[in-house]
Amino acid sequence: MKIIIQIAIIFSICWVSQMIEALLPIAFPASVIAMVLLLLLLLSGVLRVDHIREKSDFLLSNMAFFFIPAGVSVINYFDVLASALLPLLVICVVSTVLTFAVTAYAVRLTRLLMDRRKA
């Protein structure tokens, strides 16, 4: 019964985020709205981590399974992607390098601030 309640909580948050997305005048992903709602519920104490721990652990451990439809879509539209292969590769390489660099500087800044706080 506990798993069913956890599934109901997660799907309720997803459903509410779908409704909010439909009401917004701009396009905004419902998944991002759902994550913000979940964060607000957890921070406000309305929802505790224990309320969704088992189901979220299950979803995280099986996350690779949820990427199968995206992989199939890439294969289905390979001809479209092949026509823009060079720009896509440049975008992937540049964004990966930028992500690594920003992450490295964020870690350095965090360590610097933590060391200052200790001293």
PDB file of N, CA and C in Angstrom:
ATOM      1  N   MET A   1       0.818  -1.209   0.000  1.00  0.00           N
ATOM      2  CA  MET A   1       0.000   0.000   0.000  1.00  0.00           C
ATOM      3  C   MET A   1       0.855   1.264   0.000  1.00  0.00           C
ATOM      4  N   LYS A   2       2.024   1.170   0.665  1.00  0.00           N
ATOM      5  CA  LYS A   2       2.898   2.322   0.763  1.00  0.00           C
ATOM      6  C   LYS A   2       3.398   2.739  -0.624  1.00  0.00           C
ATOM      7  N   ILE A   3       3.740   1.775  -1.470  1.00  0.00           N
ATOM      8  CA  ILE A   3       4.224   2.082  -2.823  1.00  0.00           C
ATOM      9  C   ILE A   3       3.136   2.759  -3.640  1.00  0.00           C
ATOM     10  N   ILE A   4       1.905   2.306  -3.510  1.00  0.00           N
ATOM     11  CA  ILE A   4       0.792   2.895  -4.254  1.00  0.00           C
ATOM     12  C   ILE A   4       0.603   4.363  -3.856  1.00  0.00           C
ATOM     13  N   ILE A   5       0.735   4.645  -2.576  1.00  0.00           N
ATOM     14  CA  ILE A   5       0.604   6.032  -2.105  1.00  0.00           C
ATOM     15  C   ILE A   5       1.741   6.884  -2.657  1.00  0.00           C
ATOM     16  N   GLN A   6       2.960   6.334  -2.679  1.00  0.00           N
ATOM     17  CA  GLN A   6       4.096   7.076  -3.212  1.00  0.00           C
ATOM     18  C   GLN A   6       3.916   7.348  -4.709  1.00  0.00           C
ATOM     19  N   ILE A   7       3.441   6.352  -5.445  1.00  0.00           N
ATOM     20  CA  ILE A   7       3.164   6.546  -6.869  1.00  0.00           C
ATOM     21  C   ILE A   7       2.088   7.617  -7.047  1.00  0.00           C
ATOM     22  N   ALA A   8       1.070   7.571  -6.217  1.00  0.00           N
ATOM     23  CA  ALA A   8      -0.007   8.560  -6.313  1.00  0.00           C
ATOM     24  C   ALA A   8       0.519   9.974  -6.052  1.00  0.00           C
ATOM     25  N   ILE A   9       1.407  10.119  -5.094  1.00  0.00           N
ATOM     26  CA  ILE A   9       1.978  11.435  -4.791  1.00  0.00           C
ATOM     27  C   ILE A   9       2.765  11.955  -5.982  1.00  0.00           C
ATOM     28  N   ILE A  10       3.637  11.125  -6.528  1.00  0.00           N
ATOM     29  CA  ILE A  10       4.476  11.555  -7.648  1.00  0.00           C
ATOM     30  C   ILE A  10       3.636  11.869  -8.875  1.00  0.00           C
ATOM     31  N   PHE A  11       2.679  11.001  -9.191  1.00  0.00           N
ATOM     32  CA  PHE A  11       1.842  11.261 -10.359  1.00  0.00           C
ATOM     33  C   PHE A  11       0.903  12.441 -10.147  1.00  0.00           C
ATOM     34  N   SER A  12       0.499  12.699  -8.922  1.00  0.00           N
ATOM     35  CA  SER A  12      -0.323  13.879  -8.642  1.00  0.00           C
ATOM     36  C   SER A  12       0.464  15.162  -8.895  1.00  0.00           C
ATOM     37  N   ILE A  13       1.719  15.160  -8.471  1.00  0.00           N
ATOM     38  CA  ILE A  13       2.566  16.327  -8.723  1.00  0.00           C
ATOM     39  C   ILE A  13       2.742  16.514 -10.224  1.00  0.00           C
ATOM     40  N   CYS A  14       2.947  15.425 -10.951  1.00  0.00           N
ATOM     41  CA  CYS A  14       3.087  15.508 -12.419  1.00  0.00           C
ATOM     42  C   CYS A  14       1.795  16.018 -13.060  1.00  0.00           C
ATOM     43  N   TRP A  15       0.660  15.549 -12.576  1.00  0.00           N
ATOM     44  CA  TRP A  15      -0.624  15.982 -13.133  1.00  0.00           C
ATOM     45  C   TRP A  15      -0.856  17.472 -12.880  1.00  0.00           C
ATOM     46  N   VAL A  16      -0.572  17.924 -11.667  1.00  0.00           N
ATOM     47  CA  VAL A  16      -0.728  19.342 -11.340  1.00  0.00           C
ATOM     48  C   VAL A  16       0.193  20.190 -12.219  1.00  0.00           C
ATOM     49  N   SER A  17       1.411  19.696 -12.450  1.00  0.00           N
ATOM     50  CA  SER A  17       2.328  20.455 -13.303  1.00  0.00           C
ATOM     51  C   SER A  17       1.827  20.515 -14.743  1.00  0.00           C
ATOM     52  N   GLN A  18       1.163  19.477 -15.213  1.00  0.00           N
ATOM     53  CA  GLN A  18       0.556  19.509 -16.547  1.00  0.00           C
ATOM     54  C   GLN A  18      -0.542  20.576 -16.608  1.00  0.00           C
ATOM     55  N   MET A  19      -1.330  20.664 -15.554  1.00  0.00           N
ATOM     56  CA  MET A  19      -2.387  21.672 -15.509  1.00  0.00           C
ATOM     57  C   MET A  19      -1.807  23.089 -15.478  1.00  0.00           C
ATOM     58  N   ILE A  20      -0.753  23.273 -14.705  1.00  0.00           N
ATOM     59  CA  ILE A  20      -0.104  24.582 -14.639  1.00  0.00           C
ATOM     60  C   ILE A  20       0.479  24.945 -16.002  1.00  0.00           C
ATOM     61  N   GLU A  21       1.090  23.972 -16.671  1.00  0.00           N
ATOM     62  CA  GLU A  21       1.648  24.221 -18.006  1.00  0.00           C
ATOM     63  C   GLU A  21       0.565  24.667 -18.982  1.00  0.00           C
ATOM     64  N   ALA A  22      -0.605  24.043 -18.901  1.00  0.00           N
ATOM     65  CA  ALA A  22      -1.702  24.407 -19.801  1.00  0.00           C
ATOM     66  C   ALA A  22      -2.210  25.824 -19.521  1.00  0.00           C
ATOM     67  N   LEU A  23      -2.103  26.281 -18.283  1.00  0.00           N
ATOM     68  CA  LEU A  23      -2.587  27.606 -17.915  1.00  0.00           C
ATOM     69  C   LEU A  23      -1.586  28.721 -18.214  1.00  0.00           C
ATOM     70  N   LEU A  24      -0.312  28.370 -18.328  1.00  0.00           N
ATOM     71  CA  LEU A  24       0.703  29.398 -18.552  1.00  0.00           C
ATOM     72  C   LEU A  24       0.596  29.982 -19.959  1.00  0.00           C
ATOM     73  N   PRO A  25       0.827  31.284 -20.085  1.00  0.00           N
ATOM     74  CA  PRO A  25       0.757  31.908 -21.411  1.00  0.00           C
ATOM     75  C   PRO A  25       1.999  31.633 -22.270  1.00  0.00           C
ATOM     76  N   ILE A  26       3.070  31.132 -21.643  1.00  0.00           N
ATOM     77  CA  ILE A  26       4.291  30.813 -22.380  1.00  0.00           C
ATOM     78  C   ILE A  26       4.548  29.310 -22.309  1.00  0.00           C
ATOM     79  N   ALA A  27       5.317  28.820 -23.261  1.00  0.00           N
ATOM     80  CA  ALA A  27       5.668  27.400 -23.245  1.00  0.00           C
ATOM     81  C   ALA A  27       6.718  27.152 -22.158  1.00  0.00           C
ATOM     82  N   PHE A  28       6.408  26.238 -21.268  1.00  0.00           N
ATOM     83  CA  PHE A  28       7.316  25.889 -20.182  1.00  0.00           C
ATOM     84  C   PHE A  28       7.147  24.413 -19.892  1.00  0.00           C
ATOM     85  N   PRO A  29       8.226  23.637 -19.794  1.00  0.00           N
ATOM     86  CA  PRO A  29       8.108  22.188 -19.623  1.00  0.00           C
ATOM     87  C   PRO A  29       7.436  21.800 -18.301  1.00  0.00           C
ATOM     88  N   ALA A  30       6.482  20.910 -18.405  1.00  0.00           N
ATOM     89  CA  ALA A  30       5.772  20.448 -17.205  1.00  0.00           C
ATOM     90  C   ALA A  30       6.706  19.694 -16.271  1.00  0.00           C
ATOM     91  N   SER A  31       7.724  19.047 -16.810  1.00  0.00           N
ATOM     92  CA  SER A  31       8.659  18.308 -15.955  1.00  0.00           C
ATOM     93  C   SER A  31       9.435  19.255 -15.040  1.00  0.00           C
ATOM     94  N   VAL A  32       9.791  20.420 -15.555  1.00  0.00           N
ATOM     95  CA  VAL A  32      10.500  21.402 -14.733  1.00  0.00           C
ATOM     96  C   VAL A  32       9.554  21.965 -13.671  1.00  0.00           C
ATOM     97  N   ILE A  33       8.329  22.218 -14.060  1.00  0.00           N
ATOM     98  CA  ILE A  33       7.326  22.692 -13.096  1.00  0.00           C
ATOM     99  C   ILE A  33       7.133  21.661 -11.999  1.00  0.00           C
ATOM    100  N   ALA A  34       7.095  20.380 -12.374  1.00  0.00           N
ATOM    101  CA  ALA A  34       6.924  19.312 -11.383  1.00  0.00           C
ATOM    102  C   ALA A  34       8.093  19.263 -10.409  1.00  0.00           C
ATOM    103  N   MET A  35       9.316  19.443 -10.920  1.00  0.00           N
ATOM    104  CA  MET A  35      10.474  19.439 -10.026  1.00  0.00           C
ATOM    105  C   MET A  35      10.441  20.623  -9.065  1.00  0.00           C
ATOM    106  N   VAL A  36      10.027  21.783  -9.563  1.00  0.00           N
ATOM    107  CA  VAL A  36       9.924  22.956  -8.693  1.00  0.00           C
ATOM    108  C   VAL A  36       8.836  22.743  -7.645  1.00  0.00           C
ATOM    109  N   LEU A  37       7.707  22.192  -8.069  1.00  0.00           N
ATOM    110  CA  LEU A  37       6.633  21.891  -7.102  1.00  0.00           C
ATOM    111  C   LEU A  37       7.103  20.913  -6.037  1.00  0.00           C
ATOM    112  N   LEU A  38       7.802  19.866  -6.470  1.00  0.00           N
ATOM    113  CA  LEU A  38       8.309  18.886  -5.519  1.00  0.00           C
ATOM    114  C   LEU A  38       9.295  19.526  -4.552  1.00  0.00           C
ATOM    115  N   LEU A  39      10.178  20.384  -5.071  1.00  0.00           N
ATOM    116  CA  LEU A  39      11.125  21.093  -4.206  1.00  0.00           C
ATOM    117  C   LEU A  39      10.392  21.966  -3.193  1.00  0.00           C
ATOM    118  N   LEU A  40       9.391  22.711  -3.653  1.00  0.00           N
ATOM    119  CA  LEU A  40       8.636  23.574  -2.739  1.00  0.00           C
ATOM    120  C   LEU A  40       7.901  22.770  -1.674  1.00  0.00           C
ATOM    121  N   LEU A  41       7.330  21.640  -2.086  1.00  0.00           N
ATOM    122  CA  LEU A  41       6.632  20.786  -1.112  1.00  0.00           C
ATOM    123  C   LEU A  41       7.599  20.212  -0.084  1.00  0.00           C
ATOM    124  N   LEU A  42       8.794  19.839  -0.531  1.00  0.00           N
ATOM    125  CA  LEU A  42       9.780  19.295   0.400  1.00  0.00           C
ATOM    126  C   LEU A  42      10.330  20.386   1.324  1.00  0.00           C
ATOM    127  N   LEU A  43      10.602  21.565   0.777  1.00  0.00           N
ATOM    128  CA  LEU A  43      11.129  22.655   1.604  1.00  0.00           C
ATOM    129  C   LEU A  43      10.108  23.171   2.612  1.00  0.00           C
ATOM    130  N   SER A  44       8.838  23.179   2.223  1.00  0.00           N
ATOM    131  CA  SER A  44       7.806  23.685   3.125  1.00  0.00           C
ATOM    132  C   SER A  44       7.420  22.672   4.200  1.00  0.00           C
ATOM    133  N   GLY A  45       7.815  21.433   4.030  1.00  0.00           N
ATOM    134  CA  GLY A  45       7.490  20.409   5.014  1.00  0.00           C
ATOM    135  C   GLY A  45       6.159  19.743   4.782  1.00  0.00           C
ATOM    136  N   VAL A  46       5.441  20.148   3.736  1.00  0.00           N
ATOM    137  CA  VAL A  46       4.167  19.489   3.405  1.00  0.00           C
ATOM    138  C   VAL A  46       4.425  18.044   3.027  1.00  0.00           C
ATOM    139  N   LEU A  47       5.550  17.810   2.370  1.00  0.00           N
ATOM    140  CA  LEU A  47       5.937  16.482   1.926  1.00  0.00           C
ATOM    141  C   LEU A  47       7.311  16.179   2.508  1.00  0.00           C
ATOM    142  N   ARG A  48       7.471  14.981   3.043  1.00  0.00           N
ATOM    143  CA  ARG A  48       8.769  14.567   3.557  1.00  0.00           C
ATOM    144  C   ARG A  48       9.406  13.589   2.581  1.00  0.00           C
ATOM    145  N   VAL A  49      10.715  13.502   2.634  1.00  0.00           N
ATOM    146  CA  VAL A  49      11.435  12.593   1.742  1.00  0.00           C
ATOM    147  C   VAL A  49      10.962  11.161   1.947  1.00  0.00           C
ATOM    148  N   ASP A  50      10.638  10.800   3.171  1.00  0.00           N
ATOM    149  CA  ASP A  50      10.168   9.439   3.457  1.00  0.00           C
ATOM    150  C   ASP A  50       8.867   9.107   2.727  1.00  0.00           C
ATOM    151  N   HIS A  51       8.088  10.137   2.380  1.00  0.00           N
ATOM    152  CA  HIS A  51       6.831   9.906   1.673  1.00  0.00           C
ATOM    153  C   HIS A  51       7.047   9.383   0.253  1.00  0.00           C
ATOM    154  N   ILE A  52       8.212   9.674  -0.324  1.00  0.00           N
ATOM    155  CA  ILE A  52       8.438   9.277  -1.715  1.00  0.00           C
ATOM    156  C   ILE A  52       9.763   8.540  -1.918  1.00  0.00           C
ATOM    157  N   ARG A  53      10.450   8.195  -0.855  1.00  0.00           N
ATOM    158  CA  ARG A  53      11.798   7.624  -0.953  1.00  0.00           C
ATOM    159  C   ARG A  53      11.854   6.336  -1.772  1.00  0.00           C
ATOM    160  N   GLU A  54      11.046   5.359  -1.463  1.00  0.00           N
ATOM    161  CA  GLU A  54      11.141   4.052  -2.131  1.00  0.00           C
ATOM    162  C   GLU A  54      10.845   4.157  -3.621  1.00  0.00           C
ATOM    163  N   LYS A  55       9.805   4.881  -3.972  1.00  0.00           N
ATOM    164  CA  LYS A  55       9.439   5.000  -5.385  1.00  0.00           C
ATOM    165  C   LYS A  55      10.464   5.830  -6.147  1.00  0.00           C
ATOM    166  N   SER A  56      10.977   6.887  -5.548  1.00  0.00           N
ATOM    167  CA  SER A  56      11.985   7.694  -6.243  1.00  0.00           C
ATOM    168  C   SER A  56      13.289   6.919  -6.385  1.00  0.00           C
ATOM    169  N   ASP A  57      13.669   6.114  -5.390  1.00  0.00           N
ATOM    170  CA  ASP A  57      14.856   5.273  -5.515  1.00  0.00           C
ATOM    171  C   ASP A  57      14.688   4.268  -6.651  1.00  0.00           C
ATOM    172  N   PHE A  58      13.489   3.688  -6.763  1.00  0.00           N
ATOM    173  CA  PHE A  58      13.212   2.753  -7.854  1.00  0.00           C
ATOM    174  C   PHE A  58      13.328   3.448  -9.207  1.00  0.00           C
ATOM    175  N   LEU A  59      12.755   4.629  -9.335  1.00  0.00           N
ATOM    176  CA  LEU A  59      12.811   5.357 -10.602  1.00  0.00           C
ATOM    177  C   LEU A  59      14.243   5.748 -10.954  1.00  0.00           C
ATOM    178  N   LEU A  60      15.014   6.175  -9.971  1.00  0.00           N
ATOM    179  CA  LEU A  60      16.400   6.554 -10.228  1.00  0.00           C
ATOM    180  C   LEU A  60      17.259   5.352 -10.608  1.00  0.00           C
ATOM    181  N   SER A  61      17.029   4.209  -9.974  1.00  0.00           N
ATOM    182  CA  SER A  61      17.829   3.029 -10.291  1.00  0.00           C
ATOM    183  C   SER A  61      17.486   2.464 -11.663  1.00  0.00           C
ATOM    184  N   ASN A  62      16.305   2.748 -12.182  1.00  0.00           N
ATOM    185  CA  ASN A  62      15.900   2.267 -13.497  1.00  0.00           C
ATOM    186  C   ASN A  62      15.816   3.385 -14.527  1.00  0.00           C
ATOM    187  N   MET A  63      16.574   4.448 -14.317  1.00  0.00           N
ATOM    188  CA  MET A  63      16.497   5.611 -15.184  1.00  0.00           C
ATOM    189  C   MET A  63      16.886   5.295 -16.628  1.00  0.00           C
ATOM    190  N   ALA A  64      17.843   4.412 -16.827  1.00  0.00           N
ATOM    191  CA  ALA A  64      18.281   4.084 -18.193  1.00  0.00           C
ATOM    192  C   ALA A  64      17.123   3.546 -19.031  1.00  0.00           C
ATOM    193  N   PHE A  65      16.224   2.838 -18.406  1.00  0.00           N
ATOM    194  CA  PHE A  65      15.054   2.283 -19.107  1.00  0.00           C
ATOM    195  C   PHE A  65      14.206   3.390 -19.727  1.00  0.00           C
ATOM    196  N   PHE A  66      14.151   4.535 -19.083  1.00  0.00           N
ATOM    197  CA  PHE A  66      13.307   5.626 -19.556  1.00  0.00           C
ATOM    198  C   PHE A  66      13.916   6.387 -20.736  1.00  0.00           C
ATOM    199  N   PHE A  67      15.184   6.110 -21.058  1.00  0.00           N
ATOM    200  CA  PHE A  67      15.818   6.743 -22.209  1.00  0.00           C
ATOM    201  C   PHE A  67      15.642   5.934 -23.483  1.00  0.00           C
ATOM    202  N   ILE A  68      15.072   4.752 -23.406  1.00  0.00           N
ATOM    203  CA  ILE A  68      14.866   3.922 -24.595  1.00  0.00           C
ATOM    204  C   ILE A  68      13.982   4.630 -25.627  1.00  0.00           C
ATOM    205  N   PRO A  69      12.839   5.222 -25.263  1.00  0.00           N
ATOM    206  CA  PRO A  69      12.041   5.918 -26.290  1.00  0.00           C
ATOM    207  C   PRO A  69      12.806   7.050 -26.972  1.00  0.00           C
ATOM    208  N   ALA A  70      13.629   7.771 -26.238  1.00  0.00           N
ATOM    209  CA  ALA A  70      14.414   8.843 -26.857  1.00  0.00           C
ATOM    210  C   ALA A  70      15.416   8.270 -27.845  1.00  0.00           C
ATOM    211  N   GLY A  71      16.032   7.155 -27.502  1.00  0.00           N
ATOM    212  CA  GLY A  71      16.976   6.517 -28.412  1.00  0.00           C
ATOM    213  C   GLY A  71      16.305   6.020 -29.677  1.00  0.00           C
ATOM    214  N   VAL A  72      15.116   5.472 -29.542  1.00  0.00           N
ATOM    215  CA  VAL A  72      14.367   5.009 -30.708  1.00  0.00           C
ATOM    216  C   VAL A  72      13.981   6.195 -31.593  1.00  0.00           C
ATOM    217  N   SER A  73      13.620   7.299 -30.992  1.00  0.00           N
ATOM    218  CA  SER A  73      13.277   8.493 -31.773  1.00  0.00           C
ATOM    219  C   SER A  73      14.476   9.010 -32.547  1.00  0.00           C
ATOM    220  N   VAL A  74      15.643   8.958 -31.947  1.00  0.00           N
ATOM    221  CA  VAL A  74      16.850   9.390 -32.648  1.00  0.00           C
ATOM    222  C   VAL A  74      17.078   8.499 -33.869  1.00  0.00           C
ATOM    223  N   ILE A  75      16.886   7.207 -33.709  1.00  0.00           N
ATOM    224  CA  ILE A  75      17.058   6.291 -34.841  1.00  0.00           C
ATOM    225  C   ILE A  75      16.001   6.545 -35.902  1.00  0.00           C
ATOM    226  N   ASN A  76      14.780   6.818 -35.506  1.00  0.00           N
ATOM    227  CA  ASN A  76      13.712   7.082 -36.473  1.00  0.00           C
ATOM    228  C   ASN A  76      13.969   8.332 -37.297  1.00  0.00           C
ATOM    229  N   TYR A  77      14.591   9.340 -36.707  1.00  0.00           N
ATOM    230  CA  TYR A  77      14.839  10.600 -37.396  1.00  0.00           C
ATOM    231  C   TYR A  77      16.310  10.790 -37.740  1.00  0.00           C
ATOM    232  N   PHE A  78      17.016   9.695 -37.943  1.00  0.00           N
ATOM    233  CA  PHE A  78      18.443   9.778 -38.236  1.00  0.00           C
ATOM    234  C   PHE A  78      18.721  10.554 -39.517  1.00  0.00           C
ATOM    235  N   ASP A  79      17.858  10.425 -40.507  1.00  0.00           N
ATOM    236  CA  ASP A  79      18.072  11.154 -41.762  1.00  0.00           C
ATOM    237  C   ASP A  79      18.006  12.668 -41.545  1.00  0.00           C
ATOM    238  N   VAL A  80      17.111  13.109 -40.685  1.00  0.00           N
ATOM    239  CA  VAL A  80      17.014  14.541 -40.367  1.00  0.00           C
ATOM    240  C   VAL A  80      18.253  14.992 -39.599  1.00  0.00           C
ATOM    241  N   LEU A  81      18.676  14.185 -38.647  1.00  0.00           N
ATOM    242  CA  LEU A  81      19.845  14.531 -37.845  1.00  0.00           C
ATOM    243  C   LEU A  81      21.126  14.476 -38.674  1.00  0.00           C
ATOM    244  N   ALA A  82      21.200  13.543 -39.623  1.00  0.00           N
ATOM    245  CA  ALA A  82      22.403  13.412 -40.448  1.00  0.00           C
ATOM    246  C   ALA A  82      22.630  14.638 -41.312  1.00  0.00           C
ATOM    247  N   SER A  83      21.564  15.302 -41.712  1.00  0.00           N
ATOM    248  CA  SER A  83      21.716  16.496 -42.541  1.00  0.00           C
ATOM    249  C   SER A  83      22.336  17.662 -41.765  1.00  0.00           C
ATOM    250  N   ALA A  84      22.240  17.634 -40.456  1.00  0.00           N
ATOM    251  CA  ALA A  84      22.813  18.703 -39.617  1.00  0.00           C
ATOM    252  C   ALA A  84      23.845  18.128 -38.654  1.00  0.00           C
ATOM    253  N   LEU A  85      24.591  17.136 -39.119  1.00  0.00           N
ATOM    254  CA  LEU A  85      25.513  16.422 -38.235  1.00  0.00           C
ATOM    255  C   LEU A  85      26.635  17.324 -37.704  1.00  0.00           C
ATOM    256  N   LEU A  86      27.264  18.085 -38.559  1.00  0.00           N
ATOM    257  CA  LEU A  86      28.384  18.922 -38.114  1.00  0.00           C
ATOM    258  C   LEU A  86      27.957  19.969 -37.077  1.00  0.00           C
ATOM    259  N   PRO A  87      26.880  20.726 -37.312  1.00  0.00           N
ATOM    260  CA  PRO A  87      26.456  21.674 -36.262  1.00  0.00           C
ATOM    261  C   PRO A  87      26.086  20.976 -34.945  1.00  0.00           C
ATOM    262  N   LEU A  88      25.462  19.818 -35.032  1.00  0.00           N
ATOM    263  CA  LEU A  88      25.108  19.090 -33.805  1.00  0.00           C
ATOM    264  C   LEU A  88      26.349  18.640 -33.049  1.00  0.00           C
ATOM    265  N   LEU A  89      27.359  18.149 -33.777  1.00  0.00           N
ATOM    266  CA  LEU A  89      28.595  17.730 -33.121  1.00  0.00           C
ATOM    267  C   LEU A  89      29.313  18.909 -32.477  1.00  0.00           C
ATOM    268  N   VAL A  90      29.343  20.036 -33.165  1.00  0.00           N
ATOM    269  CA  VAL A  90      29.986  21.240 -32.594  1.00  0.00           C
ATOM    270  C   VAL A  90      29.251  21.674 -31.334  1.00  0.00           C
ATOM    271  N   ILE A  91      27.939  21.691 -31.389  1.00  0.00           N
ATOM    272  CA  ILE A  91      27.142  22.083 -30.219  1.00  0.00           C
ATOM    273  C   ILE A  91      27.396  21.130 -29.056  1.00  0.00           C
ATOM    274  N   CYS A  92      27.427  19.830 -29.326  1.00  0.00           N
ATOM    275  CA  CYS A  92      27.664  18.844 -28.266  1.00  0.00           C
ATOM    276  C   CYS A  92      29.039  19.011 -27.642  1.00  0.00           C
ATOM    277  N   VAL A  93      30.062  19.185 -28.478  1.00  0.00           N
ATOM    278  CA  VAL A  93      31.425  19.321 -27.953  1.00  0.00           C
ATOM    279  C   VAL A  93      31.565  20.618 -27.156  1.00  0.00           C
ATOM    280  N   VAL A  94      31.104  21.724 -27.713  1.00  0.00           N
ATOM    281  CA  VAL A  94      31.232  23.020 -27.024  1.00  0.00           C
ATOM    282  C   VAL A  94      30.451  23.022 -25.709  1.00  0.00           C
ATOM    283  N   SER A  95      29.219  22.511 -25.731  1.00  0.00           N
ATOM    284  CA  SER A  95      28.422  22.512 -24.500  1.00  0.00           C
ATOM    285  C   SER A  95      29.015  21.573 -23.452  1.00  0.00           C
ATOM    286  N   THR A  96      29.613  20.460 -23.878  1.00  0.00           N
ATOM    287  CA  THR A  96      30.253  19.553 -22.925  1.00  0.00           C
ATOM    288  C   THR A  96      31.463  20.212 -22.282  1.00  0.00           C
ATOM    289  N   VAL A  97      32.296  20.856 -23.081  1.00  0.00           N
ATOM    290  CA  VAL A  97      33.478  21.539 -22.541  1.00  0.00           C
ATOM    291  C   VAL A  97      33.063  22.665 -21.600  1.00  0.00           C
ATOM    292  N   LEU A  98      32.056  23.446 -21.990  1.00  0.00           N
ATOM    293  CA  LEU A  98      31.573  24.522 -21.122  1.00  0.00           C
ATOM    294  C   LEU A  98      31.005  23.978 -19.809  1.00  0.00           C
ATOM    295  N   THR A  99      30.277  22.876 -19.892  1.00  0.00           N
ATOM    296  CA  THR A  99      29.719  22.267 -18.685  1.00  0.00           C
ATOM    297  C   THR A  99      30.830  21.801 -17.756  1.00  0.00           C
ATOM    298  N   PHE A 100      31.846  21.150 -18.309  1.00  0.00           N
ATOM    299  CA  PHE A 100      32.977  20.719 -17.490  1.00  0.00           C
ATOM    300  C   PHE A 100      33.664  21.914 -16.839  1.00  0.00           C
ATOM    301  N   ALA A 101      33.895  22.971 -17.616  1.00  0.00           N
ATOM    302  CA  ALA A 101      34.595  24.147 -17.097  1.00  0.00           C
ATOM    303  C   ALA A 101      33.785  24.830 -15.994  1.00  0.00           C
ATOM    304  N   VAL A 102      32.504  25.033 -16.215  1.00  0.00           N
ATOM    305  CA  VAL A 102      31.657  25.683 -15.213  1.00  0.00           C
ATOM    306  C   VAL A 102      31.586  24.829 -13.948  1.00  0.00           C
ATOM    307  N   THR A 103      31.479  23.517 -14.109  1.00  0.00           N
ATOM    308  CA  THR A 103      31.443  22.625 -12.947  1.00  0.00           C
ATOM    309  C   THR A 103      32.749  22.706 -12.173  1.00  0.00           C
ATOM    310  N   ALA A 104      33.874  22.698 -12.873  1.00  0.00           N
ATOM    311  CA  ALA A 104      35.177  22.775 -12.204  1.00  0.00           C
ATOM    312  C   ALA A 104      35.315  24.082 -11.431  1.00  0.00           C
ATOM    313  N   TYR A 105      34.938  25.199 -12.050  1.00  0.00           N
ATOM    314  CA  TYR A 105      35.022  26.487 -11.349  1.00  0.00           C
ATOM    315  C   TYR A 105      34.038  26.573 -10.188  1.00  0.00           C
ATOM    316  N   ALA A 106      32.873  25.959 -10.327  1.00  0.00           N
ATOM    317  CA  ALA A 106      31.910  25.941  -9.224  1.00  0.00           C
ATOM    318  C   ALA A 106      32.456  25.148  -8.042  1.00  0.00           C
ATOM    319  N   VAL A 107      33.098  24.037  -8.323  1.00  0.00           N
ATOM    320  CA  VAL A 107      33.694  23.233  -7.251  1.00  0.00           C
ATOM    321  C   VAL A 107      34.826  24.002  -6.587  1.00  0.00           C
ATOM    322  N   ARG A 108      35.662  24.655  -7.391  1.00  0.00           N
ATOM    323  CA  ARG A 108      36.755  25.451  -6.823  1.00  0.00           C
ATOM    324  C   ARG A 108      36.217  26.578  -5.950  1.00  0.00           C
ATOM    325  N   LEU A 109      35.190  27.259  -6.425  1.00  0.00           N
ATOM    326  CA  LEU A 109      34.605  28.350  -5.652  1.00  0.00           C
ATOM    327  C   LEU A 109      33.987  27.827  -4.354  1.00  0.00           C
ATOM    328  N   THR A 110      33.305  26.698  -4.441  1.00  0.00           N
ATOM    329  CA  THR A 110      32.693  26.103  -3.246  1.00  0.00           C
ATOM    330  C   THR A 110      33.754  25.733  -2.226  1.00  0.00           C
ATOM    331  N   ARG A 111      34.839  25.109  -2.681  1.00  0.00           N
ATOM    332  CA  ARG A 111      35.921  24.734  -1.763  1.00  0.00           C
ATOM    333  C   ARG A 111      36.566  25.970  -1.160  1.00  0.00           C
ATOM    334  N   LEU A 112      36.761  27.003  -1.968  1.00  0.00           N
ATOM    335  CA  LEU A 112      37.340  28.242  -1.462  1.00  0.00           C
ATOM    336  C   LEU A 112      36.459  28.859  -0.383  1.00  0.00           C
ATOM    337  N   LEU A 113      35.169  28.909  -0.630  1.00  0.00           N
ATOM    338  CA  LEU A 113      34.250  29.473   0.359  1.00  0.00           C
ATOM    339  C   LEU A 113      34.172  28.619   1.609  1.00  0.00           C
ATOM    340  N   MET A 114      34.228  27.302   1.450  1.00  0.00           N
ATOM    341  CA  MET A 114      34.203  26.424   2.616  1.00  0.00           C
ATOM    342  C   MET A 114      35.483  26.569   3.440  1.00  0.00           C
ATOM    343  N   ASP A 115      36.630  26.710   2.754  1.00  0.00           N
ATOM    344  CA  ASP A 115      37.887  26.897   3.481  1.00  0.00           C
ATOM    345  C   ASP A 115      37.897  28.231   4.222  1.00  0.00           C
ATOM    346  N   ARG A 116      37.355  29.278   3.597  1.00  0.00           N
ATOM    347  CA  ARG A 116      37.261  30.578   4.282  1.00  0.00           C
ATOM    348  C   ARG A 116      36.381  30.500   5.507  1.00  0.00           C
ATOM    349  N   ARG A 117      35.296  29.748   5.370  1.00  0.00           N
ATOM    350  CA  ARG A 117      34.356  29.629   6.491  1.00  0.00           C
ATOM    351  C   ARG A 117      34.977  28.906   7.674  1.00  0.00           C
ATOM    352  N   LYS A 118      35.801  27.886   7.376  1.00  0.00           N
ATOM    353  CA  LYS A 118      36.470  27.148   8.455  1.00  0.00           C
ATOM    354  C   LYS A 118      37.532  27.993   9.143  1.00  0.00           C
ATOM    355  N   ALA A 119      38.181  28.855   8.369  1.00  0.00           N
ATOM    356  CA  ALA A 119      39.283  29.660   8.928  1.00  0.00           C
ATOM    357  C   ALA A 119      38.807  30.877   9.661  1.00  0.00           C
TER     358      ALA A 119
END
